[in-house]
Protein backbone atom coordinates (compact mmCIF):
# COMPACT_ATOMS: atom_id res chain seq x y z
CA MET A 1 -20.80 7.62 16.43
CA GLY A 2 -23.85 7.12 14.43
CA LYS A 3 -26.04 4.33 13.65
CA VAL A 4 -26.54 2.92 10.13
CA PRO A 5 -30.09 3.32 9.16
CA GLU A 6 -32.20 0.24 8.66
CA ASP A 7 -32.44 0.19 4.80
CA ILE A 8 -28.90 0.58 4.45
CA GLN A 9 -28.03 -2.27 7.19
CA GLN A 10 -30.31 -4.30 4.67
CA ASN A 11 -28.49 -3.21 1.48
CA ILE A 12 -25.08 -4.04 3.25
CA LYS A 13 -26.14 -7.46 4.21
CA GLU A 14 -27.55 -8.13 0.38
CA LEU A 15 -24.10 -6.56 -1.02
CA ALA A 16 -22.29 -8.73 1.38
CA LYS A 17 -24.35 -11.85 0.11
CA ALA A 18 -23.67 -10.78 -3.61
CA LYS A 19 -20.15 -10.09 -3.24
CA LYS A 20 -19.30 -13.15 -0.94
CA VAL A 21 -17.92 -10.44 1.72
CA ASP A 22 -18.44 -10.65 5.48
CA VAL A 23 -20.97 -7.94 6.68
CA LYS A 24 -18.45 -6.77 9.47
CA GLU A 25 -15.93 -6.02 6.80
CA LEU A 26 -18.16 -3.84 4.83
CA VAL A 27 -19.39 -2.04 7.84
CA GLN A 28 -15.60 -1.26 8.81
CA LYS A 29 -15.04 -0.16 5.38
CA LEU A 30 -18.11 2.13 5.55
CA LYS A 31 -16.81 3.55 9.01
CA GLU A 32 -13.38 4.34 7.48
CA ILE A 33 -15.05 6.06 4.51
CA LYS A 34 -17.11 8.16 6.60
CA GLU A 35 -14.19 8.92 8.96
CA THR A 36 -11.58 9.81 6.35
CA ASP A 37 -13.40 11.36 3.45
CA GLU A 38 -12.89 15.23 3.05
CA ALA A 39 -16.25 15.90 1.50
CA ILE A 40 -18.07 13.88 4.31
CA GLN A 41 -16.05 15.59 7.14
CA ALA A 42 -17.39 18.80 5.92
CA MET A 43 -21.00 17.83 6.28
CA GLU A 44 -23.06 18.67 9.26
CA LYS A 45 -25.67 15.72 9.45
CA GLU A 46 -24.60 12.60 10.75
CA ASP A 47 -27.21 10.50 9.21
CA TRP A 48 -26.36 12.07 5.88
CA LYS A 49 -22.54 11.30 6.42
CA ILE A 50 -23.48 7.72 6.52
CA ARG A 51 -25.63 7.87 3.45
CA PHE A 52 -22.73 9.49 1.53
CA ALA A 53 -20.47 6.83 2.90
CA TRP A 54 -22.59 4.05 1.89
CA ALA A 55 -22.92 5.54 -1.59
CA LYS A 56 -19.28 5.59 -1.95
CA LEU A 57 -18.85 1.89 -0.74
CA TYR A 58 -21.54 0.71 -3.00
CA ARG A 59 -19.75 2.42 -5.80
CA GLN A 60 -16.80 0.72 -5.20
CA TYR A 61 -18.36 -2.85 -5.50
CA ALA A 62 -20.83 -2.08 -8.17
CA VAL A 63 -19.30 0.33 -10.38
CA THR A 64 -15.78 -1.03 -10.43
CA GLY A 65 -16.75 -4.50 -11.33
CA SER A 66 -13.53 -5.92 -11.92
CA ALA A 67 -12.30 -5.25 -8.27
CA LYS A 68 -11.52 -8.25 -6.14
CA GLU A 69 -10.89 -8.59 -2.41
CA PHE A 70 -7.24 -9.03 -1.30
CA TYR A 71 -5.22 -9.45 1.65
CA VAL A 72 -1.99 -7.07 1.06
CA MET A 73 1.08 -6.87 2.92
CA PRO A 74 3.16 -3.59 1.89
CA LEU A 75 7.13 -4.58 1.33
CA LEU A 76 7.89 -0.78 1.81
CA LYS A 77 6.10 2.38 2.88
CA PRO A 78 4.35 3.92 0.00
CA ALA A 79 5.39 7.71 -0.32
CA PRO A 80 2.57 8.99 -2.72
CA LEU A 81 3.15 12.53 -4.23
CA GLN A 82 0.56 14.90 -5.30
CA ILE A 83 1.27 15.94 -9.05
CA THR A 84 0.14 18.65 -11.47
CA THR A 85 -1.11 17.19 -14.56
CA LYS A 86 -0.70 18.70 -18.15
CA LYS A 87 -4.05 20.12 -17.55
CA GLY A 88 -3.00 21.92 -14.46
CA GLU A 89 -4.99 19.65 -12.18
CA LYS A 90 -3.69 18.26 -8.74
CA MET A 91 -3.55 14.53 -8.57
CA TRP A 92 -2.31 11.94 -5.98
CA LEU A 93 0.26 9.25 -7.57
CA GLY A 94 1.83 6.38 -5.65
CA GLU A 95 3.35 3.04 -6.12
CA LEU A 96 2.58 -0.14 -4.05
CA SER A 97 4.67 -3.43 -3.95
CA ALA A 98 3.28 -6.09 -1.60
CA LEU A 99 2.66 -9.73 -1.04
CA VAL A 100 -0.96 -10.40 -1.75
CA GLN A 101 -3.58 -13.11 -1.56
CA LEU A 102 -6.87 -13.13 -3.57
CA LEU A 103 -9.88 -13.78 -1.33
CA GLU A 104 -11.92 -16.32 -3.18
CA ASP A 105 -15.31 -17.27 -1.27
CA GLY A 106 -13.79 -15.59 1.73
CA LYS A 107 -10.61 -17.98 1.67
CA PRO A 108 -7.26 -16.66 0.93
CA GLY A 109 -5.54 -18.20 -2.21
CA GLU A 110 -1.95 -18.38 -3.09
CA VAL A 111 0.56 -15.88 -1.85
CA MET A 112 1.51 -13.81 -4.94
CA TYR A 113 3.85 -10.69 -5.50
CA GLY A 114 1.73 -7.92 -6.45
CA ALA A 115 2.51 -4.33 -7.52
CA GLY A 116 1.00 -1.44 -9.18
CA THR A 117 0.38 2.43 -10.00
CA PHE A 118 -2.37 3.97 -7.92
CA PHE A 119 -3.99 7.24 -9.05
CA ARG A 120 -6.35 10.01 -7.62
CA ASP A 121 -8.02 8.81 -4.28
CA GLY A 122 -6.35 5.42 -4.50
CA GLY A 123 -2.91 7.10 -4.65
CA LYS A 124 -3.77 9.02 -1.82
CA ALA A 125 -4.82 6.08 0.26
CA LEU A 126 -1.39 4.70 0.01
CA SER A 127 -0.13 7.05 2.50
CA LYS A 128 -1.81 5.49 5.62
CA LEU A 129 -0.12 1.94 4.72
CA GLU A 130 2.70 0.57 6.75
CA LYS A 131 5.33 -1.89 5.67
CA GLY A 132 4.79 -5.40 6.98
CA THR A 133 1.15 -4.62 8.18
CA VAL A 134 -1.74 -6.75 6.52
CA TYR A 135 -4.67 -5.17 5.05
CA THR A 136 -7.82 -6.12 3.26
CA ALA A 137 -8.63 -4.10 -0.09
CA SER A 138 -10.56 -4.11 -2.87
CA LEU A 139 -8.14 -3.94 -5.99
CA VAL A 140 -8.39 -4.19 -9.76
CA MET A 141 -6.36 -6.98 -11.33
CA SER A 142 -4.35 -6.93 -14.29
CA GLU A 143 -2.43 -9.56 -16.07
CA VAL A 144 1.48 -9.67 -15.92
CA ASN A 145 4.09 -12.31 -16.61
CA TRP A 146 4.63 -13.03 -13.04
CA GLY A 147 2.49 -12.28 -9.93
CA VAL A 148 -0.52 -9.96 -10.18
CA GLY A 149 -0.82 -6.29 -11.49
CA ILE A 150 -2.89 -4.44 -8.75
CA SER A 151 -4.41 -0.83 -8.84
CA GLY A 152 -7.52 0.78 -7.89
CA ASP A 153 -9.05 4.38 -7.11
CA ASN A 154 -11.24 3.28 -4.34
CA PRO A 155 -9.21 0.56 -2.66
CA ASN A 156 -10.31 1.23 0.93
CA PHE A 157 -7.49 -0.45 2.76
CA THR A 158 -8.52 -1.86 6.03
CA LYS A 159 -6.18 -3.14 8.59
CA SER A 160 -6.68 -6.73 9.39
CA ASP A 161 -5.35 -9.25 12.23
CA TYR A 162 -4.61 -11.87 9.32
CA LYS A 163 -1.03 -13.25 9.05
CA PHE A 164 0.52 -14.39 5.86
CA PRO A 165 1.42 -18.18 5.79
CA THR A 166 5.15 -16.97 4.72
CA THR A 167 7.35 -14.18 5.60
CA PHE A 168 8.65 -11.94 2.68
CA GLU A 169 12.03 -13.33 3.57
CA GLU A 170 10.94 -16.82 2.93
CA PHE A 171 8.97 -15.72 -0.32
CA TYR A 172 12.28 -14.00 -1.49
CA LYS A 173 14.34 -17.33 -1.21
CA GLU A 174 11.92 -19.37 -2.82
CA GLU A 175 10.02 -17.18 -5.75
CA ILE A 176 12.66 -14.35 -6.41
CA GLU A 177 16.18 -15.29 -5.63
CA PRO A 178 16.30 -18.51 -7.82
CA ASN A 179 14.59 -16.74 -10.82
CA GLY A 180 17.60 -15.00 -12.49
CA ARG A 181 16.28 -11.39 -11.43
CA ASP A 182 19.81 -10.25 -10.32
CA ILE A 183 21.56 -7.61 -12.55
CA THR A 184 24.40 -4.89 -12.08
CA LEU A 185 23.55 -1.20 -11.58
CA GLY A 186 25.65 -0.91 -15.13
CA GLU A 187 22.92 -3.22 -16.66
CA MET A 188 19.91 -1.22 -15.86
CA ASP A 189 19.76 0.88 -18.90
CA ILE A 190 19.32 -2.40 -20.84
CA SER A 191 17.01 -4.13 -18.10
CA LYS A 192 13.53 -2.06 -18.63
CA SER A 193 10.94 -3.82 -16.73
CA GLU A 194 8.31 -5.34 -18.80
CA ASP A 195 5.63 -4.56 -16.44
CA GLN A 196 4.58 -3.92 -12.96
CA THR A 197 5.79 -6.95 -11.31
CA ASP A 198 9.08 -7.33 -13.40
CA VAL A 199 11.20 -6.61 -10.51
CA LYS A 200 15.10 -6.35 -11.04
CA VAL A 201 17.57 -7.25 -7.85
CA VAL A 202 20.68 -5.10 -7.30
CA THR A 203 23.12 -6.29 -4.57
CA VAL A 204 24.84 -2.94 -3.68
CA THR A 205 26.75 -1.34 -0.94
CA ALA A 206 24.58 1.75 0.85
CA PHE A 207 27.53 4.10 1.00
CA ASP A 208 25.26 6.87 2.02
CA CYS A 209 22.02 7.30 3.41
CA ASP A 210 19.73 9.77 5.13
CA VAL A 211 16.23 11.73 5.49
CA GLY A 212 15.78 14.96 4.29
CA GLU A 213 13.20 17.70 3.84
CA ARG A 214 12.01 19.88 0.92
CA ASP A 215 8.89 21.94 0.46
CA GLY A 216 7.45 20.64 3.73
CA ARG A 217 7.67 17.16 2.79
CA GLU A 218 10.05 14.46 4.09
CA TYR A 219 11.83 11.89 2.21
CA GLY A 220 14.71 9.46 2.44
CA TYR A 221 17.29 8.03 0.21
CA TYR A 222 19.97 5.75 -0.50
CA ASP A 223 23.20 6.35 -2.38
CA ILE A 224 24.09 2.99 -3.63
CA MET A 225 27.04 1.60 -5.61
CA ASP A 226 28.48 -2.00 -6.78
CA HIS A 227 31.58 -3.04 -8.76
CA SER A 228 29.94 -2.24 -12.21
CA ILE A 229 30.02 1.62 -11.52
CA ILE A 230 33.08 2.17 -9.34
CA GLY A 231 33.82 6.02 -9.40
CA SER A 232 29.94 7.03 -9.57
CA ASN A 233 26.71 6.39 -7.71
CA ILE A 234 22.80 5.99 -8.01
CA ARG A 235 20.50 7.56 -5.51
CA VAL A 236 17.25 5.81 -4.88
CA PHE A 237 14.51 7.48 -2.90
CA VAL A 238 12.24 5.67 -0.18
CA HIS A 239 10.19 6.90 2.67
CA PRO A 240 11.96 8.01 5.68
CA SER A 241 10.85 4.85 7.64
CA ASP A 242 12.68 2.66 5.16
CA VAL A 243 16.11 3.99 5.60
CA GLU A 244 16.83 1.89 8.26
CA TRP A 245 20.15 0.02 6.98
CA ALA A 246 23.51 1.96 7.87
CA GLN A 247 26.18 3.35 5.57
CA GLY A 248 28.54 0.57 4.62
CA SER A 249 25.55 -2.10 4.72
CA ILE A 250 25.39 -4.44 1.81
CA ILE A 251 21.62 -4.84 0.74
CA ASN A 252 19.57 -6.62 -1.86
CA MET A 253 17.31 -3.91 -3.42
CA GLY A 254 14.26 -4.70 -5.58
CA LEU A 255 13.50 -2.35 -8.40
CA ARG A 256 11.17 -1.73 -11.09
CA ILE A 257 13.14 -0.11 -13.89
CA ASP A 258 11.63 2.54 -16.47
CA ILE A 259 13.80 4.20 -19.24
CA ASP A 260 12.99 7.76 -19.92
CA ASP A 261 13.09 9.76 -23.45
CA LYS A 262 16.81 10.30 -22.88
CA GLY A 263 17.64 6.66 -22.10
CA VAL A 264 18.29 7.43 -18.26
CA PRO A 265 16.99 4.65 -15.86
CA ARG A 266 13.83 5.73 -13.75
CA LEU A 267 13.98 3.51 -10.54
CA SER A 268 11.02 2.41 -8.35
CA PRO A 269 12.24 0.77 -5.42
CA HIS A 270 9.78 -2.37 -4.36
CA PHE A 271 11.80 -3.67 -1.33
CA ILE A 272 15.02 -3.70 0.51
CA LEU A 273 16.46 -6.90 2.22
CA PRO A 274 19.71 -6.73 3.95
CA THR A 275 22.48 -9.32 3.23
CA ASP A 276 24.76 -10.85 6.37
CA ILE A 277 26.87 -7.74 6.05
CA ALA A 278 24.38 -4.99 7.03
CA GLU A 279 23.62 -3.08 10.35
CA LYS A 280 20.55 -1.22 11.46
CA ARG A 281 20.45 2.62 11.76
CA GLU A 282 18.40 4.64 14.13
CA VAL A 283 15.71 6.32 11.96
CA THR A 284 14.81 9.74 13.26
CA ILE A 285 12.13 11.62 11.69
CA VAL A 286 11.68 15.16 12.83
CA PRO A 287 7.89 16.78 11.58
CA VAL A 288 8.70 19.67 9.34
CA GLY A 289 5.90 22.17 8.37
CA LYS A 290 2.52 21.10 7.38
CA LYS A 291 3.07 17.50 5.99
CA GLN A 292 0.85 15.63 3.47
CA GLU A 293 -2.48 14.41 4.74
CA SER A 294 -2.25 10.83 6.04
CA VAL A 295 -4.86 8.54 7.94
CA ASP A 296 -3.74 7.01 11.23
CA VAL A 297 -4.80 3.45 11.44
CA GLY A 298 -2.90 2.60 14.63
CA ASP A 299 -6.20 2.84 16.96
CA GLU A 300 -8.33 0.62 14.49
CA GLU A 301 -7.52 -2.43 16.65
CA SER A 302 -8.71 -1.18 19.89
CA THR A 303 -11.89 0.35 18.44
CA GLU A 304 -12.74 -2.99 16.88
CA GLU A 305 -12.24 -4.69 19.90
CA GLU A 306 -14.62 -2.21 21.85
CA GLU A 307 -17.21 -3.08 19.18
CA GLU A 308 -16.70 -6.62 19.90
CA GLU A 309 -17.08 -6.38 23.50
CA LYS A 310 -20.43 -4.20 22.84
CA SER A 311 -21.72 -6.79 20.39
CA GLU A 312 -21.33 -9.64 23.06
CA GLU A 313 -23.29 -7.57 25.20
CA GLU A 314 -26.20 -6.16 23.12
CA GLY A 315 -26.34 -8.83 20.35
CA GLU A 316 -23.98 -8.92 17.68
CA ASP A 317 -26.41 -8.11 14.73
CA GLU A 318 -27.53 -4.71 16.56
CA ALA A 319 -24.08 -3.40 17.51
CA ILE A 320 -22.49 -4.27 14.30
CA PHE A 321 -23.98 -1.20 12.45
CA ASP A 322 -22.41 1.27 14.68
CA VAL A 323 -20.32 3.51 12.77
């Protein structure tokens, strides 16, 4: 653990004032960058690790001028992929669907549906997120017909103790179910989503589901059907931890639908909610090979509690800058 240099301490306080963000939150983000950034991990000097992390943190707020602070609660666990671009470059790509609240003057606004695609470091950062856990994040907003489009190359998701004023089940019944988003699987080819949040809802039977592994990477899937495609099936891929409803279960599945050049629907799952006819299944994920890099956020709460205790003993302004 190192101490944030005094000049950076002052800069963080000024940045917090300018962007109306809590100092503790900025220091937590600084710590997270320092502990997870690959370039920083390769450095030997502790003080330079902190300065490099500060530069990345400041860039997030200064260069990405349109980024705003949100509370974010993922609806499924993201499963980002490392893809190869047409130029032969490796790049992370992932999708996120979530309930979000924009923080205005430090206060959360209305609960909205948020969704979008994240690239590069932003896509990689999705791998640490868990369904139902609340995070703070700096996201770029885009205008959509309903809810808010979200993205960001440097979102810096930070685990939060905040609780949303509504569950997703309640939000679904009030904001999604009554608004005519239901389609059948047979209608998908004429139901292309207009934007990131234009989610379509199918009520389907999961007649098969499992987790598997390919090229050292685990995946999960549901094979689904409804009355409109009797005799055939559609497979939807999800993170293994989200394959939690047993074969024969009837589920409501939210999908963003794209249509490829051949007219074939491409499906991006946004959420899965069980109906009254659904049974839980035990999800067993066996580690295989070398998995893609992820960031464990499970110990952040205990670390934060230790910092708070130290703050009480030594003075809050002094201990807050321990990273």
